């Protein structure tokens, strides 16, 4: 049941949702630090968001970020007691199309499949379908910085040269007539072969 406040000040009836209603609709904010071993021991899943404004490396790589990065991450241990992280991370950003240099919206999405290892010597012995991540928390060390992990996953999902789809990009529309009329660089060789 939604609770709304009624505003009569404007001379007509308007309904605005209360803060409590809005808080229930928004995803919870994820903690910046977590205890990986504890979460993996109880097979915990974290769902929520992280403020994109706090992701400085990502802000430097894109034109604009929107709101919160959404994450669903499941922490568990396999039969060898190795800590795994599986899930998804998403964020809408604005980047410049590298073909026409106009802004474009882009949804970054990353499927996370990571195994936390204590040192590099453990890496060759693990499965190929998971990415190893060296971190002290694999052996009960320091806390895991979740905000940095989510930012890393989003940076990996960012394309090197983002471009609009062909019909939407103004540069492709300008280049189409030139491509049709441009002579092949091998046309001279073709003429030589005919002689």
N, C-alpha and C. Protein backbone atom coordinates (compact mmCIF):
# COMPACT_ATOMS: atom_id res chain seq x y z
N UNK A 1 0.84 -1.16 0.00
CA UNK A 1 0.00 0.00 0.00
C UNK A 1 0.90 1.24 0.00
N UNK A 2 0.68 2.17 -0.93
CA UNK A 2 1.48 3.39 -1.03
C UNK A 2 0.84 4.50 -0.22
N UNK A 3 1.67 5.27 0.43
CA UNK A 3 1.20 6.41 1.20
C UNK A 3 1.65 7.66 0.46
N UNK A 4 0.72 8.57 0.19
CA UNK A 4 1.03 9.80 -0.53
C UNK A 4 0.64 11.00 0.32
N UNK A 5 1.39 12.07 0.17
CA UNK A 5 1.05 13.34 0.79
C UNK A 5 0.30 14.17 -0.25
N UNK A 6 -0.74 14.84 0.17
CA UNK A 6 -1.53 15.66 -0.74
C UNK A 6 -1.13 17.11 -0.55
N UNK A 7 -0.82 17.80 -1.67
CA UNK A 7 -0.38 19.18 -1.65
C UNK A 7 -1.50 20.07 -2.16
N UNK A 8 -2.09 20.87 -1.26
CA UNK A 8 -3.17 21.77 -1.64
C UNK A 8 -2.66 23.19 -1.91
N UNK A 9 -1.38 23.45 -1.74
CA UNK A 9 -0.83 24.79 -1.85
C UNK A 9 -0.96 25.36 -3.26
N UNK A 10 -0.93 24.55 -4.28
CA UNK A 10 -0.98 25.04 -5.65
C UNK A 10 -2.40 25.36 -6.09
N UNK A 11 -3.41 25.13 -5.28
CA UNK A 11 -4.79 25.41 -5.65
C UNK A 11 -5.48 24.24 -6.32
N UNK A 12 -4.75 23.15 -6.53
CA UNK A 12 -5.36 21.95 -7.09
C UNK A 12 -4.74 20.74 -6.40
N UNK A 13 -5.34 19.64 -6.57
CA UNK A 13 -4.93 18.42 -5.87
C UNK A 13 -3.76 17.76 -6.60
N UNK A 14 -2.64 17.61 -5.93
CA UNK A 14 -1.50 16.86 -6.47
C UNK A 14 -1.05 15.88 -5.40
N UNK A 15 -0.58 14.76 -5.81
CA UNK A 15 -0.10 13.76 -4.86
C UNK A 15 1.39 13.56 -5.07
N UNK A 16 2.15 13.60 -4.00
CA UNK A 16 3.58 13.34 -4.07
C UNK A 16 3.90 12.18 -3.13
N UNK A 17 4.73 11.26 -3.58
CA UNK A 17 5.06 10.12 -2.72
C UNK A 17 5.89 10.55 -1.52
N UNK A 18 5.70 9.89 -0.40
CA UNK A 18 6.47 10.19 0.80
C UNK A 18 7.89 9.67 0.63
N UNK A 19 8.77 10.12 1.48
CA UNK A 19 10.16 9.68 1.45
C UNK A 19 10.26 8.18 1.69
N UNK A 20 9.43 7.66 2.58
CA UNK A 20 9.44 6.23 2.87
C UNK A 20 9.06 5.42 1.63
N UNK A 21 8.08 5.90 0.87
CA UNK A 21 7.67 5.19 -0.35
C UNK A 21 8.79 5.21 -1.37
N UNK A 22 9.42 6.35 -1.56
CA UNK A 22 10.52 6.45 -2.50
C UNK A 22 11.69 5.57 -2.07
N UNK A 23 11.98 5.51 -0.79
CA UNK A 23 13.10 4.70 -0.29
C UNK A 23 12.88 3.23 -0.58
N UNK A 24 11.62 2.77 -0.51
CA UNK A 24 11.34 1.36 -0.81
C UNK A 24 11.50 1.07 -2.29
N UNK A 25 11.24 2.04 -3.15
CA UNK A 25 11.34 1.83 -4.59
C UNK A 25 12.78 1.85 -5.08
N UNK A 26 13.67 2.54 -4.40
CA UNK A 26 15.06 2.64 -4.81
C UNK A 26 15.84 1.43 -4.29
N UNK A 27 16.81 0.95 -5.08
CA UNK A 27 17.61 -0.17 -4.58
C UNK A 27 18.51 0.29 -3.44
N UNK A 28 18.82 -0.60 -2.50
CA UNK A 28 19.69 -0.20 -1.40
C UNK A 28 21.11 0.07 -1.91
N UNK A 29 21.80 0.94 -1.21
CA UNK A 29 23.18 1.23 -1.60
C UNK A 29 24.10 0.16 -1.04
N UNK A 30 24.99 -0.34 -1.87
CA UNK A 30 25.92 -1.38 -1.45
C UNK A 30 27.01 -0.77 -0.56
N UNK A 31 27.53 -1.55 0.38
CA UNK A 31 28.62 -1.03 1.22
C UNK A 31 29.91 -0.93 0.41
N UNK A 32 30.76 0.05 0.71
CA UNK A 32 32.01 0.17 -0.05
C UNK A 32 33.00 -0.95 0.26
N UNK A 33 32.97 -1.48 1.50
CA UNK A 33 33.87 -2.56 1.91
C UNK A 33 33.03 -3.76 2.34
N UNK A 34 33.52 -4.96 2.07
CA UNK A 34 32.84 -6.18 2.51
C UNK A 34 33.85 -7.18 3.05
N UNK A 35 33.37 -8.15 3.79
CA UNK A 35 34.18 -9.26 4.27
C UNK A 35 33.87 -10.44 3.36
N UNK A 36 34.75 -10.70 2.40
CA UNK A 36 34.52 -11.74 1.40
C UNK A 36 34.33 -13.13 2.01
N UNK A 37 35.17 -13.48 2.95
CA UNK A 37 35.10 -14.82 3.54
C UNK A 37 33.77 -15.05 4.26
N UNK A 38 33.30 -14.04 4.98
CA UNK A 38 32.04 -14.18 5.70
C UNK A 38 30.87 -14.31 4.72
N UNK A 39 30.85 -13.46 3.69
CA UNK A 39 29.76 -13.53 2.71
C UNK A 39 29.77 -14.84 1.95
N UNK A 40 30.96 -15.32 1.57
CA UNK A 40 31.05 -16.57 0.82
C UNK A 40 30.69 -17.77 1.69
N UNK A 41 31.01 -17.71 2.97
CA UNK A 41 30.71 -18.83 3.87
C UNK A 41 29.20 -19.06 4.01
N UNK A 42 28.40 -18.00 3.90
CA UNK A 42 26.95 -18.14 4.04
C UNK A 42 26.22 -18.03 2.70
N UNK A 43 27.00 -18.07 1.59
CA UNK A 43 26.43 -18.04 0.24
C UNK A 43 25.50 -16.83 0.07
N UNK A 44 26.03 -15.65 0.35
CA UNK A 44 25.27 -14.41 0.36
C UNK A 44 25.20 -13.77 -1.03
N UNK A 45 24.06 -13.16 -1.32
CA UNK A 45 23.89 -12.37 -2.55
C UNK A 45 23.61 -10.93 -2.16
N UNK A 46 24.39 -10.02 -2.73
CA UNK A 46 24.18 -8.60 -2.50
C UNK A 46 23.53 -7.99 -3.74
N UNK A 47 22.47 -7.24 -3.52
CA UNK A 47 21.78 -6.53 -4.62
C UNK A 47 21.68 -5.08 -4.22
N UNK A 48 22.06 -4.20 -5.13
CA UNK A 48 21.95 -2.78 -4.81
C UNK A 48 22.74 -1.93 -5.77
N UNK A 49 23.01 -0.71 -5.35
CA UNK A 49 23.67 0.23 -6.22
C UNK A 49 24.83 0.92 -5.54
N UNK A 50 25.67 1.49 -6.36
CA UNK A 50 26.79 2.32 -5.91
C UNK A 50 26.75 3.61 -6.71
N UNK A 51 26.97 4.73 -6.04
CA UNK A 51 26.95 6.03 -6.71
C UNK A 51 28.03 6.10 -7.77
N UNK A 52 27.63 6.41 -9.00
CA UNK A 52 28.59 6.53 -10.09
C UNK A 52 29.49 7.75 -9.91
N UNK A 53 29.02 8.76 -9.17
CA UNK A 53 29.83 9.96 -8.95
C UNK A 53 31.11 9.66 -8.17
N UNK A 54 31.11 8.59 -7.40
CA UNK A 54 32.30 8.26 -6.61
C UNK A 54 33.32 7.45 -7.41
N UNK A 55 33.01 7.10 -8.64
CA UNK A 55 33.90 6.28 -9.48
C UNK A 55 34.74 7.21 -10.35
N UNK A 56 35.84 7.71 -9.81
CA UNK A 56 36.65 8.72 -10.49
C UNK A 56 37.29 8.22 -11.78
N UNK A 57 37.79 7.00 -11.79
CA UNK A 57 38.41 6.48 -13.02
C UNK A 57 37.39 6.33 -14.13
N UNK A 58 36.18 5.89 -13.79
CA UNK A 58 35.13 5.76 -14.79
C UNK A 58 34.68 7.12 -15.28
N UNK A 59 34.56 8.09 -14.38
CA UNK A 59 34.16 9.44 -14.78
C UNK A 59 35.16 10.05 -15.75
N UNK A 60 36.44 9.73 -15.59
CA UNK A 60 37.47 10.23 -16.51
C UNK A 60 37.37 9.58 -17.89
N UNK A 61 36.82 8.38 -17.96
CA UNK A 61 36.77 7.63 -19.22
C UNK A 61 35.51 7.91 -20.03
N UNK A 62 34.48 8.52 -19.43
CA UNK A 62 33.23 8.76 -20.14
C UNK A 62 32.88 10.24 -20.05
N UNK A 63 31.90 10.65 -20.86
CA UNK A 63 31.46 12.05 -20.85
C UNK A 63 30.58 12.35 -19.64
N UNK A 64 29.68 11.40 -19.28
CA UNK A 64 28.74 11.62 -18.18
C UNK A 64 28.26 10.27 -17.65
N UNK A 65 28.04 10.20 -16.35
CA UNK A 65 27.48 8.99 -15.74
C UNK A 65 26.11 9.31 -15.17
N UNK A 66 25.23 8.33 -15.18
CA UNK A 66 23.86 8.52 -14.68
C UNK A 66 23.66 7.75 -13.38
N UNK A 67 23.40 8.46 -12.31
CA UNK A 67 22.91 7.86 -11.07
C UNK A 67 23.77 6.81 -10.43
N UNK A 68 23.22 5.61 -10.35
CA UNK A 68 23.85 4.53 -9.61
C UNK A 68 24.16 3.34 -10.51
N UNK A 69 25.30 2.73 -10.24
CA UNK A 69 25.63 1.46 -10.88
C UNK A 69 24.86 0.38 -10.13
N UNK A 70 24.16 -0.47 -10.86
CA UNK A 70 23.37 -1.55 -10.26
C UNK A 70 24.19 -2.84 -10.27
N UNK A 71 24.19 -3.55 -9.17
CA UNK A 71 24.96 -4.79 -9.07
C UNK A 71 24.14 -5.87 -8.37
N UNK A 72 24.27 -7.08 -8.88
CA UNK A 72 23.75 -8.27 -8.22
C UNK A 72 24.94 -9.23 -8.17
N UNK A 73 25.47 -9.46 -6.97
CA UNK A 73 26.68 -10.26 -6.81
C UNK A 73 26.45 -11.37 -5.79
N UNK A 74 26.77 -12.59 -6.19
CA UNK A 74 26.64 -13.75 -5.30
C UNK A 74 28.03 -14.20 -4.89
N UNK A 75 28.23 -14.37 -3.60
CA UNK A 75 29.50 -14.80 -3.04
C UNK A 75 29.35 -16.20 -2.50
N UNK A 76 30.25 -17.11 -2.91
CA UNK A 76 30.16 -18.49 -2.44
C UNK A 76 31.54 -19.13 -2.45
N UNK A 77 31.64 -20.29 -1.80
CA UNK A 77 32.87 -21.06 -1.79
C UNK A 77 32.64 -22.36 -2.54
N UNK A 78 33.66 -22.79 -3.30
CA UNK A 78 33.55 -24.08 -4.00
C UNK A 78 33.99 -25.20 -3.06
N UNK A 79 34.09 -26.41 -3.59
CA UNK A 79 34.44 -27.56 -2.74
C UNK A 79 35.87 -27.47 -2.19
N UNK A 80 36.73 -26.67 -2.83
CA UNK A 80 38.09 -26.47 -2.33
C UNK A 80 38.18 -25.23 -1.43
N UNK A 81 37.06 -24.66 -1.06
CA UNK A 81 36.96 -23.48 -0.18
C UNK A 81 37.50 -22.20 -0.82
N UNK A 82 37.59 -22.19 -2.14
CA UNK A 82 37.99 -20.97 -2.84
C UNK A 82 36.77 -20.04 -2.96
N UNK A 83 36.99 -18.75 -2.79
CA UNK A 83 35.91 -17.77 -2.82
C UNK A 83 35.63 -17.36 -4.27
N UNK A 84 34.35 -17.40 -4.64
CA UNK A 84 33.91 -17.01 -5.98
C UNK A 84 32.94 -15.85 -5.88
N UNK A 85 32.93 -15.01 -6.92
CA UNK A 85 31.96 -13.93 -7.06
C UNK A 85 31.34 -14.08 -8.44
N UNK A 86 30.02 -14.19 -8.48
CA UNK A 86 29.28 -14.28 -9.76
C UNK A 86 28.16 -13.27 -9.73
N UNK A 87 27.82 -12.74 -10.90
CA UNK A 87 26.70 -11.81 -10.97
C UNK A 87 26.79 -10.88 -12.15
N UNK A 88 26.13 -9.73 -12.01
CA UNK A 88 26.11 -8.73 -13.08
C UNK A 88 26.28 -7.33 -12.48
N UNK A 89 26.82 -6.45 -13.30
CA UNK A 89 27.01 -5.05 -12.95
C UNK A 89 26.55 -4.24 -14.15
N UNK A 90 25.74 -3.17 -13.91
CA UNK A 90 25.20 -2.34 -14.99
C UNK A 90 25.26 -0.87 -14.63
N UNK A 91 25.42 -0.04 -15.69
CA UNK A 91 25.38 1.41 -15.52
C UNK A 91 25.18 2.05 -16.88
N UNK A 92 24.33 3.07 -16.96
CA UNK A 92 24.16 3.86 -18.18
C UNK A 92 25.12 5.03 -18.14
N UNK A 93 25.86 5.22 -19.22
CA UNK A 93 26.80 6.33 -19.32
C UNK A 93 26.58 7.05 -20.65
N UNK A 94 27.17 8.23 -20.75
CA UNK A 94 27.18 8.96 -22.01
C UNK A 94 28.63 9.05 -22.46
N UNK A 95 28.87 8.63 -23.69
CA UNK A 95 30.21 8.66 -24.27
C UNK A 95 30.15 9.41 -25.59
N UNK A 96 31.32 9.68 -26.16
CA UNK A 96 31.37 10.29 -27.49
C UNK A 96 31.55 9.20 -28.53
N UNK A 97 30.70 9.23 -29.56
CA UNK A 97 30.85 8.31 -30.69
C UNK A 97 32.19 8.62 -31.35
N UNK A 98 33.01 7.64 -31.57
CA UNK A 98 34.33 7.85 -32.13
C UNK A 98 34.30 8.00 -33.65
N UNK A 99 33.12 7.88 -34.24
CA UNK A 99 32.98 8.09 -35.68
C UNK A 99 32.51 9.52 -35.98
N UNK A 100 31.46 10.00 -35.26
CA UNK A 100 30.90 11.33 -35.54
C UNK A 100 31.19 12.34 -34.43
N UNK A 101 31.74 11.89 -33.31
CA UNK A 101 32.09 12.71 -32.16
C UNK A 101 30.90 13.40 -31.50
N UNK A 102 29.72 12.82 -31.65
CA UNK A 102 28.52 13.31 -30.97
C UNK A 102 28.25 12.42 -29.76
N UNK A 103 27.61 12.96 -28.72
CA UNK A 103 27.32 12.15 -27.53
C UNK A 103 26.34 11.03 -27.84
N UNK A 104 26.51 9.93 -27.15
CA UNK A 104 25.59 8.80 -27.28
C UNK A 104 25.47 8.11 -25.94
N UNK A 105 24.28 7.56 -25.68
CA UNK A 105 24.04 6.81 -24.45
C UNK A 105 24.49 5.36 -24.67
N UNK A 106 25.07 4.80 -23.63
CA UNK A 106 25.59 3.45 -23.72
C UNK A 106 25.34 2.76 -22.38
N UNK A 107 24.77 1.57 -22.44
CA UNK A 107 24.59 0.81 -21.21
C UNK A 107 25.76 -0.16 -21.06
N UNK A 108 26.51 0.03 -19.99
CA UNK A 108 27.61 -0.88 -19.68
C UNK A 108 27.03 -2.03 -18.89
N UNK A 109 27.34 -3.23 -19.29
CA UNK A 109 26.87 -4.42 -18.57
C UNK A 109 28.02 -5.43 -18.55
N UNK A 110 28.26 -5.97 -17.38
CA UNK A 110 29.35 -6.92 -17.22
C UNK A 110 28.84 -8.15 -16.48
N UNK A 111 29.11 -9.31 -17.05
CA UNK A 111 28.83 -10.57 -16.36
C UNK A 111 30.07 -10.91 -15.54
N UNK A 112 29.91 -10.99 -14.24
CA UNK A 112 31.03 -11.20 -13.33
C UNK A 112 31.18 -12.69 -13.04
N UNK A 113 32.38 -13.21 -13.24
CA UNK A 113 32.72 -14.59 -12.87
C UNK A 113 34.18 -14.57 -12.40
N UNK A 114 34.37 -14.37 -11.09
CA UNK A 114 35.69 -14.15 -10.54
C UNK A 114 35.96 -15.14 -9.41
N UNK A 115 37.20 -15.61 -9.35
CA UNK A 115 37.67 -16.42 -8.23
C UNK A 115 38.76 -15.63 -7.53
N UNK A 116 38.62 -15.46 -6.22
CA UNK A 116 39.60 -14.71 -5.44
C UNK A 116 40.71 -15.66 -5.03
N UNK A 117 41.95 -15.31 -5.38
CA UNK A 117 43.11 -16.13 -5.02
C UNK A 117 44.04 -15.32 -4.15
N UNK A 118 44.79 -16.00 -3.31
CA UNK A 118 45.68 -15.33 -2.36
C UNK A 118 46.97 -14.85 -2.97
N UNK A 119 47.49 -15.58 -3.94
CA UNK A 119 48.72 -15.14 -4.61
C UNK A 119 48.75 -15.70 -6.03
N UNK A 120 49.69 -15.21 -6.81
CA UNK A 120 49.75 -15.57 -8.22
C UNK A 120 50.07 -17.05 -8.45
N UNK A 121 50.65 -17.72 -7.48
CA UNK A 121 50.98 -19.14 -7.63
C UNK A 121 49.71 -19.99 -7.74
N UNK A 122 48.58 -19.51 -7.21
CA UNK A 122 47.33 -20.26 -7.26
C UNK A 122 46.61 -20.13 -8.61
N UNK A 123 46.99 -19.19 -9.44
CA UNK A 123 46.25 -18.89 -10.66
C UNK A 123 46.22 -20.03 -11.67
N UNK A 124 47.31 -20.69 -12.03
CA UNK A 124 47.24 -21.70 -13.10
C UNK A 124 46.38 -22.92 -12.78
N UNK A 125 46.04 -23.13 -11.52
CA UNK A 125 45.33 -24.34 -11.12
C UNK A 125 43.82 -24.19 -11.16
N UNK A 126 43.30 -23.06 -11.63
CA UNK A 126 41.87 -22.82 -11.57
C UNK A 126 41.20 -22.95 -12.92
N UNK A 127 39.88 -22.97 -12.89
CA UNK A 127 39.08 -23.16 -14.09
C UNK A 127 39.25 -22.01 -15.06
N UNK A 128 39.07 -22.31 -16.36
CA UNK A 128 39.23 -21.31 -17.41
C UNK A 128 38.03 -20.37 -17.49
N UNK A 129 36.84 -20.79 -17.02
CA UNK A 129 35.65 -19.95 -17.17
C UNK A 129 35.55 -18.85 -16.12
N UNK A 130 36.46 -18.83 -15.16
CA UNK A 130 36.46 -17.76 -14.17
C UNK A 130 37.76 -16.97 -14.27
N UNK A 131 37.66 -15.69 -13.97
CA UNK A 131 38.82 -14.81 -13.98
C UNK A 131 39.44 -14.79 -12.59
N UNK A 132 40.73 -15.07 -12.45
CA UNK A 132 41.34 -15.00 -11.12
C UNK A 132 41.59 -13.56 -10.71
N UNK A 133 41.39 -13.26 -9.44
CA UNK A 133 41.67 -11.94 -8.88
C UNK A 133 42.51 -12.14 -7.63
N UNK A 134 43.74 -11.64 -7.66
CA UNK A 134 44.64 -11.77 -6.52
C UNK A 134 44.28 -10.72 -5.48
N UNK A 135 43.99 -11.20 -4.25
CA UNK A 135 43.63 -10.30 -3.16
C UNK A 135 43.90 -10.98 -1.83
N UNK A 136 44.36 -10.20 -0.85
CA UNK A 136 44.70 -10.73 0.48
C UNK A 136 43.50 -11.32 1.21
N UNK A 137 42.30 -10.88 0.86
CA UNK A 137 41.12 -11.35 1.59
C UNK A 137 40.84 -12.84 1.35
N UNK A 138 41.48 -13.45 0.37
CA UNK A 138 41.29 -14.88 0.12
C UNK A 138 41.75 -15.71 1.31
N UNK A 139 42.67 -15.19 2.09
CA UNK A 139 43.18 -15.90 3.27
C UNK A 139 42.78 -15.20 4.56
N UNK A 140 41.70 -14.46 4.54
CA UNK A 140 41.24 -13.79 5.74
C UNK A 140 41.95 -12.48 6.03
N UNK A 141 42.54 -11.88 5.01
CA UNK A 141 43.25 -10.62 5.19
C UNK A 141 42.30 -9.44 5.24
N UNK A 142 42.74 -8.36 4.64
CA UNK A 142 41.99 -7.11 4.68
C UNK A 142 40.62 -7.24 4.01
N UNK A 143 39.76 -6.27 4.29
CA UNK A 143 38.43 -6.25 3.68
C UNK A 143 38.54 -5.97 2.19
N UNK A 144 37.57 -6.41 1.46
CA UNK A 144 37.52 -6.27 0.02
C UNK A 144 36.80 -4.97 -0.33
N UNK A 145 37.40 -4.15 -1.17
CA UNK A 145 36.82 -2.87 -1.56
C UNK A 145 35.85 -3.10 -2.71
N UNK A 146 34.57 -3.25 -2.39
CA UNK A 146 33.54 -3.59 -3.36
C UNK A 146 33.33 -2.49 -4.39
N UNK A 147 33.37 -1.23 -3.98
CA UNK A 147 33.16 -0.11 -4.90
C UNK A 147 34.23 -0.11 -5.99
N UNK A 148 35.45 -0.37 -5.64
CA UNK A 148 36.53 -0.42 -6.63
C UNK A 148 36.36 -1.62 -7.56
N UNK A 149 35.92 -2.75 -7.02
CA UNK A 149 35.68 -3.95 -7.83
C UNK A 149 34.59 -3.68 -8.88
N UNK A 150 33.49 -3.05 -8.47
CA UNK A 150 32.40 -2.73 -9.40
C UNK A 150 32.89 -1.75 -10.46
N UNK A 151 33.67 -0.76 -10.06
CA UNK A 151 34.21 0.20 -11.03
C UNK A 151 35.13 -0.50 -12.03
N UNK A 152 35.95 -1.43 -11.56
CA UNK A 152 36.83 -2.19 -12.47
C UNK A 152 36.01 -2.97 -13.49
N UNK A 153 34.94 -3.61 -13.05
CA UNK A 153 34.11 -4.39 -13.97
C UNK A 153 33.45 -3.49 -15.02
N UNK A 154 33.02 -2.30 -14.61
CA UNK A 154 32.42 -1.36 -15.57
C UNK A 154 33.46 -0.84 -16.55
N UNK A 155 34.67 -0.58 -16.09
CA UNK A 155 35.73 -0.14 -16.99
C UNK A 155 36.08 -1.22 -18.02
N UNK A 156 36.05 -2.47 -17.58
CA UNK A 156 36.30 -3.57 -18.52
C UNK A 156 35.18 -3.72 -19.54
N UNK A 157 33.97 -3.32 -19.19
CA UNK A 157 32.84 -3.41 -20.11
C UNK A 157 32.78 -2.25 -21.09
N UNK A 158 33.55 -1.20 -20.83
CA UNK A 158 33.55 -0.01 -21.69
C UNK A 158 34.27 -0.33 -23.00
N UNK A 159 33.61 -0.13 -24.15
CA UNK A 159 34.29 -0.41 -25.42
C UNK A 159 35.45 0.56 -25.66
N UNK A 160 36.47 0.10 -26.37
CA UNK A 160 37.63 0.94 -26.67
C UNK A 160 37.24 2.12 -27.55
N UNK A 161 36.41 1.86 -28.56
CA UNK A 161 35.96 2.91 -29.48
C UNK A 161 34.45 2.79 -29.67
N UNK A 162 33.67 3.39 -28.79
CA UNK A 162 32.21 3.29 -28.93
C UNK A 162 31.73 4.07 -30.16
N UNK A 163 30.79 3.48 -30.90
CA UNK A 163 30.21 4.13 -32.08
C UNK A 163 28.71 3.88 -32.10
N UNK A 164 27.99 4.84 -32.72
CA UNK A 164 26.56 4.66 -32.95
C UNK A 164 26.36 3.48 -33.89
N UNK A 165 25.14 2.95 -33.91
CA UNK A 165 24.82 1.98 -34.94
C UNK A 165 24.79 2.72 -36.27
N UNK A 166 25.05 2.05 -37.38
CA UNK A 166 25.22 2.68 -38.69
C UNK A 166 24.09 3.64 -39.08
N UNK A 167 22.82 3.29 -38.95
CA UNK A 167 21.80 4.24 -39.40
C UNK A 167 21.69 5.49 -38.52
N UNK A 168 22.13 5.42 -37.28
CA UNK A 168 21.98 6.55 -36.35
C UNK A 168 23.18 7.48 -36.36
N UNK A 169 24.28 7.08 -36.93
CA UNK A 169 25.51 7.87 -36.89
C UNK A 169 25.54 8.84 -38.07
N UNK A 170 25.73 10.12 -37.78
CA UNK A 170 25.75 11.11 -38.86
C UNK A 170 26.98 10.95 -39.75
N UNK A 171 28.06 10.47 -39.22
CA UNK A 171 29.26 10.28 -40.03
C UNK A 171 29.05 9.21 -41.10
N UNK A 172 28.30 8.17 -40.78
CA UNK A 172 28.06 7.11 -41.78
C UNK A 172 27.19 7.64 -42.91
N UNK A 173 26.25 8.50 -42.56
CA UNK A 173 25.38 9.07 -43.60
C UNK A 173 26.18 9.97 -44.53
N UNK A 174 27.14 10.70 -44.01
CA UNK A 174 27.97 11.59 -44.83
C UNK A 174 28.93 10.78 -45.70
N UNK A 175 29.44 9.68 -45.17
CA UNK A 175 30.45 8.88 -45.89
C UNK A 175 29.85 7.97 -46.96
N UNK A 176 28.56 7.65 -46.92
CA UNK A 176 27.96 6.72 -47.88
C UNK A 176 28.16 7.16 -49.33
N UNK A 177 27.88 8.41 -49.73
CA UNK A 177 28.09 8.78 -51.13
C UNK A 177 29.55 8.70 -51.56
N UNK A 178 30.48 9.01 -50.66
CA UNK A 178 31.90 8.96 -50.99
C UNK A 178 32.38 7.53 -51.18
N UNK A 179 31.85 6.63 -50.43
CA UNK A 179 32.25 5.23 -50.57
C UNK A 179 31.80 4.65 -51.90
N UNK A 180 30.62 5.03 -52.35
CA UNK A 180 30.08 4.50 -53.60
C UNK A 180 30.86 5.01 -54.81
N UNK A 181 31.35 6.26 -54.75
CA UNK A 181 32.01 6.85 -55.91
C UNK A 181 33.53 6.73 -55.83
N UNK A 182 34.09 6.35 -54.75
CA UNK A 182 35.54 6.28 -54.62
C UNK A 182 36.09 5.15 -55.49
N UNK A 183 37.14 5.45 -56.22
CA UNK A 183 37.77 4.46 -57.08
C UNK A 183 38.60 3.51 -56.23
N UNK A 184 38.69 2.30 -56.69
CA UNK A 184 39.49 1.31 -55.99
C UNK A 184 40.96 1.67 -56.15
N UNK A 185 41.76 1.51 -55.10
CA UNK A 185 43.19 1.79 -55.25
C UNK A 185 43.87 0.80 -56.20
N UNK A 186 43.22 -0.30 -56.50
CA UNK A 186 43.79 -1.30 -57.40
C UNK A 186 43.29 -1.13 -58.84
N UNK A 187 42.53 -0.07 -59.12
CA UNK A 187 42.02 0.16 -60.47
C UNK A 187 43.15 0.35 -61.46
N UNK A 188 44.24 1.00 -61.04
CA UNK A 188 45.40 1.19 -61.94
C UNK A 188 46.01 -0.15 -62.29
N UNK A 189 46.10 -1.04 -61.31
CA UNK A 189 46.64 -2.38 -61.58
C UNK A 189 45.74 -3.16 -62.52
N UNK A 190 44.45 -2.97 -62.38
CA UNK A 190 43.49 -3.64 -63.26
C UNK A 190 43.71 -3.19 -64.70
N UNK A 191 43.95 -1.89 -64.90
CA UNK A 191 44.21 -1.37 -66.24
C UNK A 191 45.51 -1.94 -66.81
N UNK A 192 46.53 -2.08 -65.98
CA UNK A 192 47.80 -2.65 -66.44
C UNK A 192 47.64 -4.12 -66.84
N UNK A 193 46.82 -4.84 -66.13
CA UNK A 193 46.60 -6.26 -66.45
C UNK A 193 45.86 -6.41 -67.78
N UNK A 194 45.02 -5.46 -68.12
CA UNK A 194 44.26 -5.53 -69.37
C UNK A 194 45.17 -5.31 -70.58
N UNK A 195 46.28 -4.62 -70.43
CA UNK A 195 47.20 -4.33 -71.55
C UNK A 195 48.00 -5.49 -71.90
